[in-house]
Amino acid sequence: MTEFSKSVTPMAQSARPPKGGEGDTGVVVDTKTTTKRPPLYKVLLLNDDYTPMEFVVHVLERFFGMNHAQAFEIMLTVHKKGVAVVGVFSHEIAETKVGQVMDFARRHQHPLQCTMEKE
């Protein structure tokens, strides 16, 4: 077995920092950190021929915090165009909203479809 020993040599006089703070010089480095915003996701409602319009309005009010007039307008857009963006959220929130809507629709025996896509 080999033994290793550390040899410690004292700092040379010229390498020692000055005492008492006299002659201290330093470089101030201003680091700028930038954080990226997480990607956002659009939550979409899709039209079908079976889900009642009143149910869609209820879903929009309940899960997306819309008032009745806003929910009615979005419901008409879904009905006429086949799809509408009902909100834009972070991935986790969008995923949760989609799950809530799909579960609620299934429990009420409606084929309403809700999806999400990256903005």
PDB file of N, CA and C in Angstrom:
ATOM      1  N   MET A   1       0.831  -1.167   0.000  1.00  0.00           N
ATOM      2  CA  MET A   1       0.000   0.000   0.000  1.00  0.00           C
ATOM      3  C   MET A   1       0.882   1.238   0.000  1.00  0.00           C
ATOM      4  N   THR A   2       0.543   2.207  -0.809  1.00  0.00           N
ATOM      5  CA  THR A   2       1.354   3.411  -0.926  1.00  0.00           C
ATOM      6  C   THR A   2       0.707   4.526  -0.137  1.00  0.00           C
ATOM      7  N   GLU A   3       1.527   5.263   0.569  1.00  0.00           N
ATOM      8  CA  GLU A   3       1.007   6.406   1.321  1.00  0.00           C
ATOM      9  C   GLU A   3       1.262   7.663   0.533  1.00  0.00           C
ATOM     10  N   PHE A   4       0.260   8.501   0.517  1.00  0.00           N
ATOM     11  CA  PHE A   4       0.406   9.787  -0.143  1.00  0.00           C
ATOM     12  C   PHE A   4       0.448  10.848   0.926  1.00  0.00           C
ATOM     13  N   SER A   5       1.313  11.775   0.759  1.00  0.00           N
ATOM     14  CA  SER A   5       1.352  12.876   1.715  1.00  0.00           C
ATOM     15  C   SER A   5       1.205  14.174   0.946  1.00  0.00           C
ATOM     16  N   LYS A   6       0.515  15.074   1.562  1.00  0.00           N
ATOM     17  CA  LYS A   6       0.336  16.385   0.951  1.00  0.00           C
ATOM     18  C   LYS A   6       1.387  17.302   1.499  1.00  0.00           C
ATOM     19  N   SER A   7       1.978  18.020   0.601  1.00  0.00           N
ATOM     20  CA  SER A   7       2.897  19.027   1.097  1.00  0.00           C
ATOM     21  C   SER A   7       2.223  20.373   0.912  1.00  0.00           C
ATOM     22  N   VAL A   8       2.193  21.131   1.950  1.00  0.00           N
ATOM     23  CA  VAL A   8       1.551  22.433   1.919  1.00  0.00           C
ATOM     24  C   VAL A   8       2.648  23.468   2.023  1.00  0.00           C
ATOM     25  N   THR A   9       2.681  24.329   1.018  1.00  0.00           N
ATOM     26  CA  THR A   9       3.685  25.384   1.055  1.00  0.00           C
ATOM     27  C   THR A   9       2.977  26.688   1.358  1.00  0.00           C
ATOM     28  N   PRO A  10       3.527  27.491   2.221  1.00  0.00           N
ATOM     29  CA  PRO A  10       2.898  28.769   2.542  1.00  0.00           C
ATOM     30  C   PRO A  10       2.892  29.679   1.318  1.00  0.00           C
ATOM     31  N   MET A  11       1.902  30.577   1.279  1.00  0.00           N
ATOM     32  CA  MET A  11       1.825  31.522   0.163  1.00  0.00           C
ATOM     33  C   MET A  11       3.027  32.440   0.195  1.00  0.00           C
ATOM     34  N   ALA A  12       3.480  32.756  -0.974  1.00  0.00           N
ATOM     35  CA  ALA A  12       4.591  33.699  -1.068  1.00  0.00           C
ATOM     36  C   ALA A  12       4.104  35.055  -0.600  1.00  0.00           C
ATOM     37  N   GLN A  13       4.991  35.845  -0.076  1.00  0.00           N
ATOM     38  CA  GLN A  13       4.638  37.158   0.450  1.00  0.00           C
ATOM     39  C   GLN A  13       3.914  37.987  -0.599  1.00  0.00           C
ATOM     40  N   SER A  14       4.339  37.940  -1.857  1.00  0.00           N
ATOM     41  CA  SER A  14       3.740  38.765  -2.898  1.00  0.00           C
ATOM     42  C   SER A  14       2.357  38.257  -3.303  1.00  0.00           C
ATOM     43  N   ALA A  15       2.047  37.002  -3.023  1.00  0.00           N
ATOM     44  CA  ALA A  15       0.769  36.450  -3.420  1.00  0.00           C
ATOM     45  C   ALA A  15      -0.314  36.662  -2.368  1.00  0.00           C
ATOM     46  N   ARG A  16       0.096  37.126  -1.189  1.00  0.00           N
ATOM     47  CA  ARG A  16      -0.876  37.325  -0.126  1.00  0.00           C
ATOM     48  C   ARG A  16      -1.696  38.585  -0.393  1.00  0.00           C
ATOM     49  N   PRO A  17      -2.978  38.544  -0.040  1.00  0.00           N
ATOM     50  CA  PRO A  17      -3.790  39.742  -0.209  1.00  0.00           C
ATOM     51  C   PRO A  17      -3.349  40.825   0.750  1.00  0.00           C
ATOM     52  N   PRO A  18      -3.494  42.082   0.355  1.00  0.00           N
ATOM     53  CA  PRO A  18      -3.083  43.166   1.245  1.00  0.00           C
ATOM     54  C   PRO A  18      -3.969  43.193   2.489  1.00  0.00           C
ATOM     55  N   LYS A  19      -3.378  43.629   3.585  1.00  0.00           N
ATOM     56  CA  LYS A  19      -4.108  43.686   4.844  1.00  0.00           C
ATOM     57  C   LYS A  19      -4.865  44.988   4.958  1.00  0.00           C
ATOM     58  N   GLY A  20      -6.008  44.934   5.640  1.00  0.00           N
ATOM     59  CA  GLY A  20      -6.757  46.145   5.952  1.00  0.00           C
ATOM     60  C   GLY A  20      -7.554  46.699   4.794  1.00  0.00           C
ATOM     61  N   GLY A  21      -7.646  46.004   3.697  1.00  0.00           N
ATOM     62  CA  GLY A  21      -8.471  46.448   2.591  1.00  0.00           C
ATOM     63  C   GLY A  21      -7.827  47.525   1.748  1.00  0.00           C
ATOM     64  N   GLU A  22      -6.609  47.930   2.052  1.00  0.00           N
ATOM     65  CA  GLU A  22      -5.953  48.962   1.243  1.00  0.00           C
ATOM     66  C   GLU A  22      -5.467  48.353  -0.058  1.00  0.00           C
ATOM     67  N   GLY A  23      -5.745  49.048  -1.136  1.00  0.00           N
ATOM     68  CA  GLY A  23      -5.269  48.588  -2.430  1.00  0.00           C
ATOM     69  C   GLY A  23      -6.078  47.447  -3.005  1.00  0.00           C
ATOM     70  N   ASP A  24      -7.231  47.156  -2.389  1.00  0.00           N
ATOM     71  CA  ASP A  24      -8.071  46.087  -2.942  1.00  0.00           C
ATOM     72  C   ASP A  24      -8.631  46.527  -4.286  1.00  0.00           C
ATOM     73  N   THR A  25      -8.459  45.705  -5.258  1.00  0.00           N
ATOM     74  CA  THR A  25      -9.092  45.965  -6.544  1.00  0.00           C
ATOM     75  C   THR A  25      -9.861  44.721  -6.917  1.00  0.00           C
ATOM     76  N   GLY A  26     -10.943  44.929  -7.609  1.00  0.00           N
ATOM     77  CA  GLY A  26     -11.744  43.783  -8.002  1.00  0.00           C
ATOM     78  C   GLY A  26     -12.529  44.118  -9.252  1.00  0.00           C
ATOM     79  N   VAL A  27     -13.023  43.124  -9.833  1.00  0.00           N
ATOM     80  CA  VAL A  27     -13.827  43.288 -11.029  1.00  0.00           C
ATOM     81  C   VAL A  27     -15.270  42.935 -10.650  1.00  0.00           C
ATOM     82  N   VAL A  28     -16.163  43.866 -10.929  1.00  0.00           N
ATOM     83  CA  VAL A  28     -17.569  43.596 -10.680  1.00  0.00           C
ATOM     84  C   VAL A  28     -18.147  42.999 -11.950  1.00  0.00           C
ATOM     85  N   VAL A  29     -18.667  41.807 -11.812  1.00  0.00           N
ATOM     86  CA  VAL A  29     -19.254  41.135 -12.956  1.00  0.00           C
ATOM     87  C   VAL A  29     -20.765  41.146 -12.757  1.00  0.00           C
ATOM     88  N   ASP A  30     -21.445  41.810 -13.665  1.00  0.00           N
ATOM     89  CA  ASP A  30     -22.896  41.875 -13.591  1.00  0.00           C
ATOM     90  C   ASP A  30     -23.448  40.760 -14.470  1.00  0.00           C
ATOM     91  N   THR A  31     -23.927  39.710 -13.822  1.00  0.00           N
ATOM     92  CA  THR A  31     -24.475  38.603 -14.590  1.00  0.00           C
ATOM     93  C   THR A  31     -25.973  38.812 -14.751  1.00  0.00           C
ATOM     94  N   LYS A  32     -26.412  38.586 -15.936  1.00  0.00           N
ATOM     95  CA  LYS A  32     -27.823  38.739 -16.239  1.00  0.00           C
ATOM     96  C   LYS A  32     -28.401  37.361 -16.516  1.00  0.00           C
ATOM     97  N   THR A  33     -29.375  36.979 -15.707  1.00  0.00           N
ATOM     98  CA  THR A  33     -30.009  35.698 -15.959  1.00  0.00           C
ATOM     99  C   THR A  33     -31.343  35.948 -16.639  1.00  0.00           C
ATOM    100  N   THR A  34     -31.568  35.206 -17.668  1.00  0.00           N
ATOM    101  CA  THR A  34     -32.848  35.325 -18.355  1.00  0.00           C
ATOM    102  C   THR A  34     -33.562  33.990 -18.236  1.00  0.00           C
ATOM    103  N   THR A  35     -34.827  34.061 -17.946  1.00  0.00           N
ATOM    104  CA  THR A  35     -35.615  32.845 -17.860  1.00  0.00           C
ATOM    105  C   THR A  35     -36.614  32.831 -19.005  1.00  0.00           C
ATOM    106  N   LYS A  36     -36.774  31.685 -19.576  1.00  0.00           N
ATOM    107  CA  LYS A  36     -37.730  31.541 -20.669  1.00  0.00           C
ATOM    108  C   LYS A  36     -39.102  31.257 -20.084  1.00  0.00           C
ATOM    109  N   ARG A  37     -40.102  31.836 -20.694  1.00  0.00           N
ATOM    110  CA  ARG A  37     -41.470  31.524 -20.293  1.00  0.00           C
ATOM    111  C   ARG A  37     -41.811  30.138 -20.805  1.00  0.00           C
ATOM    112  N   PRO A  38     -42.574  29.384 -20.028  1.00  0.00           N
ATOM    113  CA  PRO A  38     -42.950  28.055 -20.513  1.00  0.00           C
ATOM    114  C   PRO A  38     -43.864  28.173 -21.724  1.00  0.00           C
ATOM    115  N   PRO A  39     -43.839  27.188 -22.594  1.00  0.00           N
ATOM    116  CA  PRO A  39     -44.723  27.256 -23.766  1.00  0.00           C
ATOM    117  C   PRO A  39     -46.184  27.208 -23.337  1.00  0.00           C
ATOM    118  N   LEU A  40     -47.024  27.884 -24.099  1.00  0.00           N
ATOM    119  CA  LEU A  40     -48.447  27.921 -23.795  1.00  0.00           C
ATOM    120  C   LEU A  40     -49.206  26.990 -24.731  1.00  0.00           C
ATOM    121  N   TYR A  41     -50.354  26.544 -24.258  1.00  0.00           N
ATOM    122  CA  TYR A  41     -51.173  25.603 -25.008  1.00  0.00           C
ATOM    123  C   TYR A  41     -52.598  26.121 -25.123  1.00  0.00           C
ATOM    124  N   LYS A  42     -53.153  25.992 -26.320  1.00  0.00           N
ATOM    125  CA  LYS A  42     -54.539  26.380 -26.555  1.00  0.00           C
ATOM    126  C   LYS A  42     -55.433  25.197 -26.206  1.00  0.00           C
ATOM    127  N   VAL A  43     -56.508  25.482 -25.487  1.00  0.00           N
ATOM    128  CA  VAL A  43     -57.514  24.465 -25.214  1.00  0.00           C
ATOM    129  C   VAL A  43     -58.647  24.697 -26.207  1.00  0.00           C
ATOM    130  N   LEU A  44     -59.020  23.635 -26.928  1.00  0.00           N
ATOM    131  CA  LEU A  44     -60.009  23.729 -27.995  1.00  0.00           C
ATOM    132  C   LEU A  44     -61.231  22.872 -27.688  1.00  0.00           C
ATOM    133  N   LEU A  45     -62.404  23.397 -28.005  1.00  0.00           N
ATOM    134  CA  LEU A  45     -63.632  22.604 -27.956  1.00  0.00           C
ATOM    135  C   LEU A  45     -64.022  22.289 -29.387  1.00  0.00           C
ATOM    136  N   LEU A  46     -64.431  21.041 -29.612  1.00  0.00           N
ATOM    137  CA  LEU A  46     -64.803  20.599 -30.948  1.00  0.00           C
ATOM    138  C   LEU A  46     -66.314  20.377 -31.025  1.00  0.00           C
ATOM    139  N   ASN A  47     -66.882  20.715 -32.156  1.00  0.00           N
ATOM    140  CA  ASN A  47     -68.315  20.546 -32.356  1.00  0.00           C
ATOM    141  C   ASN A  47     -68.669  19.083 -32.600  1.00  0.00           C
ATOM    142  N   ASP A  48     -69.864  18.716 -32.168  1.00  0.00           N
ATOM    143  CA  ASP A  48     -70.429  17.420 -32.516  1.00  0.00           C
ATOM    144  C   ASP A  48     -71.927  17.626 -32.706  1.00  0.00           C
ATOM    145  N   ASP A  49     -72.575  16.629 -33.226  1.00  0.00           N
ATOM    146  CA  ASP A  49     -74.004  16.756 -33.533  1.00  0.00           C
ATOM    147  C   ASP A  49     -74.923  16.345 -32.391  1.00  0.00           C
ATOM    148  N   TYR A  50     -74.367  15.998 -31.244  1.00  0.00           N
ATOM    149  CA  TYR A  50     -75.187  15.433 -30.171  1.00  0.00           C
ATOM    150  C   TYR A  50     -75.179  16.224 -28.866  1.00  0.00           C
ATOM    151  N   THR A  51     -74.084  16.884 -28.535  1.00  0.00           N
ATOM    152  CA  THR A  51     -74.007  17.611 -27.265  1.00  0.00           C
ATOM    153  C   THR A  51     -74.896  18.848 -27.332  1.00  0.00           C
ATOM    154  N   PRO A  52     -75.800  19.005 -26.357  1.00  0.00           N
ATOM    155  CA  PRO A  52     -76.679  20.183 -26.360  1.00  0.00           C
ATOM    156  C   PRO A  52     -75.892  21.480 -26.157  1.00  0.00           C
ATOM    157  N   MET A  53     -76.346  22.516 -26.800  1.00  0.00           N
ATOM    158  CA  MET A  53     -75.686  23.820 -26.701  1.00  0.00           C
ATOM    159  C   MET A  53     -75.647  24.311 -25.256  1.00  0.00           C
ATOM    160  N   GLU A  54     -76.714  24.050 -24.515  1.00  0.00           N
ATOM    161  CA  GLU A  54     -76.763  24.495 -23.116  1.00  0.00           C
ATOM    162  C   GLU A  54     -75.676  23.827 -22.275  1.00  0.00           C
ATOM    163  N   PHE A  55     -75.388  22.568 -22.611  1.00  0.00           N
ATOM    164  CA  PHE A  55     -74.338  21.851 -21.892  1.00  0.00           C
ATOM    165  C   PHE A  55     -72.977  22.477 -22.171  1.00  0.00           C
ATOM    166  N   VAL A  56     -72.726  22.845 -23.409  1.00  0.00           N
ATOM    167  CA  VAL A  56     -71.459  23.485 -23.773  1.00  0.00           C
ATOM    168  C   VAL A  56     -71.321  24.821 -23.040  1.00  0.00           C
ATOM    169  N   VAL A  57     -72.384  25.585 -22.985  1.00  0.00           N
ATOM    170  CA  VAL A  57     -72.368  26.863 -22.253  1.00  0.00           C
ATOM    171  C   VAL A  57     -72.042  26.599 -20.784  1.00  0.00           C
ATOM    172  N   HIS A  58     -72.658  25.594 -20.203  1.00  0.00           N
ATOM    173  CA  HIS A  58     -72.400  25.250 -18.796  1.00  0.00           C
ATOM    174  C   HIS A  58     -70.928  24.878 -18.577  1.00  0.00           C
ATOM    175  N   VAL A  59     -70.364  24.092 -19.481  1.00  0.00           N
ATOM    176  CA  VAL A  59     -68.950  23.693 -19.391  1.00  0.00           C
ATOM    177  C   VAL A  59     -68.052  24.930 -19.429  1.00  0.00           C
ATOM    178  N   LEU A  60     -68.328  25.836 -20.340  1.00  0.00           N
ATOM    179  CA  LEU A  60     -67.503  27.043 -20.472  1.00  0.00           C
ATOM    180  C   LEU A  60     -67.589  27.918 -19.221  1.00  0.00           C
ATOM    181  N   GLU A  61     -68.759  28.014 -18.648  1.00  0.00           N
ATOM    182  CA  GLU A  61     -68.922  28.798 -17.420  1.00  0.00           C
ATOM    183  C   GLU A  61     -68.211  28.123 -16.244  1.00  0.00           C
ATOM    184  N   ARG A  62     -68.380  26.831 -16.142  1.00  0.00           N
ATOM    185  CA  ARG A  62     -67.855  26.097 -14.990  1.00  0.00           C
ATOM    186  C   ARG A  62     -66.338  25.927 -15.003  1.00  0.00           C
ATOM    187  N   PHE A  63     -65.783  25.521 -16.129  1.00  0.00           N
ATOM    188  CA  PHE A  63     -64.363  25.181 -16.174  1.00  0.00           C
ATOM    189  C   PHE A  63     -63.458  26.292 -16.699  1.00  0.00           C
ATOM    190  N   PHE A  64     -64.049  27.297 -17.351  1.00  0.00           N
ATOM    191  CA  PHE A  64     -63.220  28.357 -17.920  1.00  0.00           C
ATOM    192  C   PHE A  64     -63.574  29.738 -17.368  1.00  0.00           C
ATOM    193  N   GLY A  65     -64.466  29.774 -16.395  1.00  0.00           N
ATOM    194  CA  GLY A  65     -64.775  31.018 -15.692  1.00  0.00           C
ATOM    195  C   GLY A  65     -65.423  32.093 -16.547  1.00  0.00           C
ATOM    196  N   MET A  66     -66.094  31.694 -17.584  1.00  0.00           N
ATOM    197  CA  MET A  66     -66.740  32.684 -18.462  1.00  0.00           C
ATOM    198  C   MET A  66     -68.113  33.048 -17.908  1.00  0.00           C
ATOM    199  N   ASN A  67     -68.527  34.293 -18.201  1.00  0.00           N
ATOM    200  CA  ASN A  67     -69.898  34.652 -17.860  1.00  0.00           C
ATOM    201  C   ASN A  67     -70.805  34.069 -18.947  1.00  0.00           C
ATOM    202  N   HIS A  68     -72.113  34.179 -18.746  1.00  0.00           N
ATOM    203  CA  HIS A  68     -73.048  33.529 -19.659  1.00  0.00           C
ATOM    204  C   HIS A  68     -72.915  34.063 -21.100  1.00  0.00           C
ATOM    205  N   ALA A  69     -72.752  35.369 -21.243  1.00  0.00           N
ATOM    206  CA  ALA A  69     -72.651  35.962 -22.585  1.00  0.00           C
ATOM    207  C   ALA A  69     -71.395  35.478 -23.312  1.00  0.00           C
ATOM    208  N   GLN A  70     -70.263  35.445 -22.612  1.00  0.00           N
ATOM    209  CA  GLN A  70     -69.016  34.965 -23.219  1.00  0.00           C
ATOM    210  C   GLN A  70     -69.149  33.497 -23.615  1.00  0.00           C
ATOM    211  N   ALA A  71     -69.696  32.707 -22.707  1.00  0.00           N
ATOM    212  CA  ALA A  71     -69.848  31.271 -22.965  1.00  0.00           C
ATOM    213  C   ALA A  71     -70.781  31.034 -24.156  1.00  0.00           C
ATOM    214  N   PHE A  72     -71.830  31.822 -24.255  1.00  0.00           N
ATOM    215  CA  PHE A  72     -72.769  31.671 -25.359  1.00  0.00           C
ATOM    216  C   PHE A  72     -72.092  32.000 -26.691  1.00  0.00           C
ATOM    217  N   GLU A  73     -71.292  33.055 -26.714  1.00  0.00           N
ATOM    218  CA  GLU A  73     -70.563  33.441 -27.939  1.00  0.00           C
ATOM    219  C   GLU A  73     -69.596  32.345 -28.377  1.00  0.00           C
ATOM    220  N   ILE A  74     -68.837  31.802 -27.439  1.00  0.00           N
ATOM    221  CA  ILE A  74     -67.877  30.737 -27.769  1.00  0.00           C
ATOM    222  C   ILE A  74     -68.623  29.494 -28.254  1.00  0.00           C
ATOM    223  N   MET A  75     -69.730  29.179 -27.588  1.00  0.00           N
ATOM    224  CA  MET A  75     -70.527  28.016 -27.999  1.00  0.00           C
ATOM    225  C   MET A  75     -71.007  28.181 -29.439  1.00  0.00           C
ATOM    226  N   LEU A  76     -71.439  29.384 -29.805  1.00  0.00           N
ATOM    227  CA  LEU A  76     -71.880  29.619 -31.186  1.00  0.00           C
ATOM    228  C   LEU A  76     -70.720  29.477 -32.169  1.00  0.00           C
ATOM    229  N   THR A  77     -69.543  29.923 -31.769  1.00  0.00           N
ATOM    230  CA  THR A  77     -68.359  29.765 -32.623  1.00  0.00           C
ATOM    231  C   THR A  77     -68.062  28.287 -32.839  1.00  0.00           C
ATOM    232  N   VAL A  78     -68.112  27.507 -31.764  1.00  0.00           N
ATOM    233  CA  VAL A  78     -67.888  26.062 -31.881  1.00  0.00           C
ATOM    234  C   VAL A  78     -68.928  25.460 -32.820  1.00  0.00           C
ATOM    235  N   HIS A  79     -70.173  25.865 -32.651  1.00  0.00           N
ATOM    236  CA  HIS A  79     -71.270  25.319 -33.456  1.00  0.00           C
ATOM    237  C   HIS A  79     -71.128  25.669 -34.941  1.00  0.00           C
ATOM    238  N   LYS A  80     -70.754  26.923 -35.230  1.00  0.00           N
ATOM    239  CA  LYS A  80     -70.675  27.380 -36.624  1.00  0.00           C
ATOM    240  C   LYS A  80     -69.376  26.983 -37.320  1.00  0.00           C
ATOM    241  N   LYS A  81     -68.249  27.088 -36.602  1.00  0.00           N
ATOM    242  CA  LYS A  81     -66.946  26.834 -37.233  1.00  0.00           C
ATOM    243  C   LYS A  81     -66.404  25.435 -36.978  1.00  0.00           C
ATOM    244  N   GLY A  82     -67.005  24.733 -36.024  1.00  0.00           N
ATOM    245  CA  GLY A  82     -66.553  23.374 -35.741  1.00  0.00           C
ATOM    246  C   GLY A  82     -65.529  23.273 -34.631  1.00  0.00           C
ATOM    247  N   VAL A  83     -64.889  24.384 -34.290  1.00  0.00           N
ATOM    248  CA  VAL A  83     -63.868  24.390 -33.241  1.00  0.00           C
ATOM    249  C   VAL A  83     -63.690  25.821 -32.747  1.00  0.00           C
ATOM    250  N   ALA A  84     -63.297  25.956 -31.492  1.00  0.00           N
ATOM    251  CA  ALA A  84     -62.991  27.285 -30.946  1.00  0.00           C
ATOM    252  C   ALA A  84     -61.967  27.146 -29.834  1.00  0.00           C
ATOM    253  N   VAL A  85     -61.095  28.145 -29.734  1.00  0.00           N
ATOM    254  CA  VAL A  85     -60.143  28.219 -28.633  1.00  0.00           C
ATOM    255  C   VAL A  85     -60.908  28.757 -27.430  1.00  0.00           C
ATOM    256  N   VAL A  86     -60.853  28.022 -26.328  1.00  0.00           N
ATOM    257  CA  VAL A  86     -61.572  28.456 -25.132  1.00  0.00           C
ATOM    258  C   VAL A  86     -60.643  28.970 -24.040  1.00  0.00           C
ATOM    259  N   GLY A  87     -59.337  28.863 -24.263  1.00  0.00           N
ATOM    260  CA  GLY A  87     -58.370  29.399 -23.310  1.00  0.00           C
ATOM    261  C   GLY A  87     -56.958  29.029 -23.712  1.00  0.00           C
ATOM    262  N   VAL A  88     -56.001  29.760 -23.148  1.00  0.00           N
ATOM    263  CA  VAL A  88     -54.581  29.502 -23.384  1.00  0.00           C
ATOM    264  C   VAL A  88     -53.909  29.402 -22.018  1.00  0.00           C
ATOM    265  N   PHE A  89     -53.221  28.281 -21.791  1.00  0.00           N
ATOM    266  CA  PHE A  89     -52.682  27.997 -20.470  1.00  0.00           C
ATOM    267  C   PHE A  89     -51.314  27.328 -20.572  1.00  0.00           C
ATOM    268  N   SER A  90     -50.652  27.190 -19.419  1.00  0.00           N
ATOM    269  CA  SER A  90     -49.434  26.378 -19.365  1.00  0.00           C
ATOM    270  C   SER A  90     -49.834  24.922 -19.609  1.00  0.00           C
ATOM    271  N   HIS A  91     -48.867  24.083 -19.891  1.00  0.00           N
ATOM    272  CA  HIS A  91     -49.142  22.689 -20.238  1.00  0.00           C
ATOM    273  C   HIS A  91     -49.963  21.980 -19.167  1.00  0.00           C
ATOM    274  N   GLU A  92     -49.554  22.108 -17.911  1.00  0.00           N
ATOM    275  CA  GLU A  92     -50.221  21.389 -16.829  1.00  0.00           C
ATOM    276  C   GLU A  92     -51.666  21.841 -16.656  1.00  0.00           C
ATOM    277  N   ILE A  93     -51.897  23.135 -16.726  1.00  0.00           N
ATOM    278  CA  ILE A  93     -53.254  23.654 -16.554  1.00  0.00           C
ATOM    279  C   ILE A  93     -54.124  23.258 -17.741  1.00  0.00           C
ATOM    280  N   ALA A  94     -53.585  23.375 -18.951  1.00  0.00           N
ATOM    281  CA  ALA A  94     -54.350  22.977 -20.144  1.00  0.00           C
ATOM    282  C   ALA A  94     -54.717  21.500 -20.072  1.00  0.00           C
ATOM    283  N   GLU A  95     -53.773  20.680 -19.673  1.00  0.00           N
ATOM    284  CA  GLU A  95     -54.016  19.245 -19.556  1.00  0.00           C
ATOM    285  C   GLU A  95     -55.110  18.956 -18.528  1.00  0.00           C
ATOM    286  N   THR A  96     -55.070  19.667 -17.427  1.00  0.00           N
ATOM    287  CA  THR A  96     -56.084  19.501 -16.380  1.00  0.00           C
ATOM    288  C   THR A  96     -57.461  19.911 -16.884  1.00  0.00           C
ATOM    289  N   LYS A  97     -57.532  21.057 -17.563  1.00  0.00           N
ATOM    290  CA  LYS A  97     -58.815  21.538 -18.090  1.00  0.00           C
ATOM    291  C   LYS A  97     -59.402  20.532 -19.089  1.00  0.00           C
ATOM    292  N   VAL A  98     -58.576  20.029 -19.983  1.00  0.00           N
ATOM    293  CA  VAL A  98     -59.041  19.053 -20.970  1.00  0.00           C
ATOM    294  C   VAL A  98     -59.593  17.816 -20.252  1.00  0.00           C
ATOM    295  N   GLY A  99     -58.867  17.339 -19.260  1.00  0.00           N
ATOM    296  CA  GLY A  99     -59.313  16.173 -18.498  1.00  0.00           C
ATOM    297  C   GLY A  99     -60.624  16.422 -17.772  1.00  0.00           C
ATOM    298  N   GLN A 100     -60.753  17.594 -17.167  1.00  0.00           N
ATOM    299  CA  GLN A 100     -61.986  17.932 -16.455  1.00  0.00           C
ATOM    300  C   GLN A 100     -63.186  17.959 -17.393  1.00  0.00           C
ATOM    301  N   VAL A 101     -63.009  18.617 -18.537  1.00  0.00           N
ATOM    302  CA  VAL A 101     -64.110  18.733 -19.501  1.00  0.00           C
ATOM    303  C   VAL A 101     -64.499  17.358 -20.040  1.00  0.00           C
ATOM    304  N   MET A 102     -63.508  16.567 -20.417  1.00  0.00           N
ATOM    305  CA  MET A 102     -63.790  15.243 -20.977  1.00  0.00           C
ATOM    306  C   MET A 102     -64.494  14.353 -19.947  1.00  0.00           C
ATOM    307  N   ASP A 103     -64.035  14.386 -18.716  1.00  0.00           N
ATOM    308  CA  ASP A 103     -64.634  13.583 -17.654  1.00  0.00           C
ATOM    309  C   ASP A 103     -66.075  14.028 -17.381  1.00  0.00           C
ATOM    310  N   PHE A 104     -66.275  15.334 -17.313  1.00  0.00           N
ATOM    311  CA  PHE A 104     -67.603  15.891 -17.058  1.00  0.00           C
ATOM    312  C   PHE A 104     -68.569  15.514 -18.184  1.00  0.00           C
ATOM    313  N   ALA A 105     -68.104  15.603 -19.422  1.00  0.00           N
ATOM    314  CA  ALA A 105     -68.948  15.251 -20.570  1.00  0.00           C
ATOM    315  C   ALA A 105     -69.311  13.763 -20.535  1.00  0.00           C
ATOM    316  N   ARG A 106     -68.346  12.904 -20.221  1.00  0.00           N
ATOM    317  CA  ARG A 106     -68.618  11.465 -20.174  1.00  0.00           C
ATOM    318  C   ARG A 106     -69.618  11.135 -19.064  1.00  0.00           C
ATOM    319  N   ARG A 107     -69.432  11.774 -17.902  1.00  0.00           N
ATOM    320  CA  ARG A 107     -70.354  11.510 -16.790  1.00  0.00           C
ATOM    321  C   ARG A 107     -71.784  11.912 -17.133  1.00  0.00           C
ATOM    322  N   HIS A 108     -71.925  12.891 -18.037  1.00  0.00           N
ATOM    323  CA  HIS A 108     -73.250  13.335 -18.449  1.00  0.00           C
ATOM    324  C   HIS A 108     -73.657  12.728 -19.796  1.00  0.00           C
ATOM    325  N   GLN A 109     -72.897  11.737 -20.232  1.00  0.00           N
ATOM    326  CA  GLN A 109     -73.169  10.965 -21.446  1.00  0.00           C
ATOM    327  C   GLN A 109     -73.274  11.828 -22.710  1.00  0.00           C
ATOM    328  N   HIS A 110     -72.299  12.761 -22.821  1.00  0.00           N
ATOM    329  CA  HIS A 110     -72.207  13.593 -24.019  1.00  0.00           C
ATOM    330  C   HIS A 110     -70.861  13.317 -24.698  1.00  0.00           C
ATOM    331  N   PRO A 111     -70.841  13.328 -26.025  1.00  0.00           N
ATOM    332  CA  PRO A 111     -69.594  13.045 -26.748  1.00  0.00           C
ATOM    333  C   PRO A 111     -68.711  14.275 -26.970  1.00  0.00           C
ATOM    334  N   LEU A 112     -68.892  15.325 -26.189  1.00  0.00           N
ATOM    335  CA  LEU A 112     -68.116  16.568 -26.352  1.00  0.00           C
ATOM    336  C   LEU A 112     -66.619  16.259 -26.304  1.00  0.00           C
ATOM    337  N   GLN A 113     -65.890  16.830 -27.268  1.00  0.00           N
ATOM    338  CA  GLN A 113     -64.447  16.628 -27.348  1.00  0.00           C
ATOM    339  C   GLN A 113     -63.721  17.914 -27.003  1.00  0.00           C
ATOM    340  N   CYS A 114     -62.670  17.773 -26.220  1.00  0.00           N
ATOM    341  CA  CYS A 114     -61.834  18.909 -25.828  1.00  0.00           C
ATOM    342  C   CYS A 114     -60.392  18.461 -26.009  1.00  0.00           C
ATOM    343  N   THR A 115     -59.598  19.301 -26.682  1.00  0.00           N
ATOM    344  CA  THR A 115     -58.194  18.958 -26.934  1.00  0.00           C
ATOM    345  C   THR A 115     -57.324  20.162 -26.620  1.00  0.00           C
ATOM    346  N   MET A 116     -56.020  19.934 -26.720  1.00  0.00           N
ATOM    347  CA  MET A 116     -55.067  21.030 -26.540  1.00  0.00           C
ATOM    348  C   MET A 116     -53.987  20.936 -27.600  1.00  0.00           C
ATOM    349  N   GLU A 117     -53.429  22.090 -27.955  1.00  0.00           N
ATOM    350  CA  GLU A 117     -52.314  22.110 -28.907  1.00  0.00           C
ATOM    351  C   GLU A 117     -51.401  23.265 -28.553  1.00  0.00           C
ATOM    352  N   LYS A 118     -50.147  23.089 -28.868  1.00  0.00           N
ATOM    353  CA  LYS A 118     -49.140  24.109 -28.565  1.00  0.00           C
ATOM    354  C   LYS A 118     -49.438  25.382 -29.356  1.00  0.00           C
ATOM    355  N   GLU A 119     -49.292  26.502 -28.697  1.00  0.00           N
ATOM    356  CA  GLU A 119     -49.593  27.780 -29.346  1.00  0.00           C
ATOM    357  C   GLU A 119     -48.483  28.166 -30.300  1.00  0.00           C
TER     358      GLU A 119
END
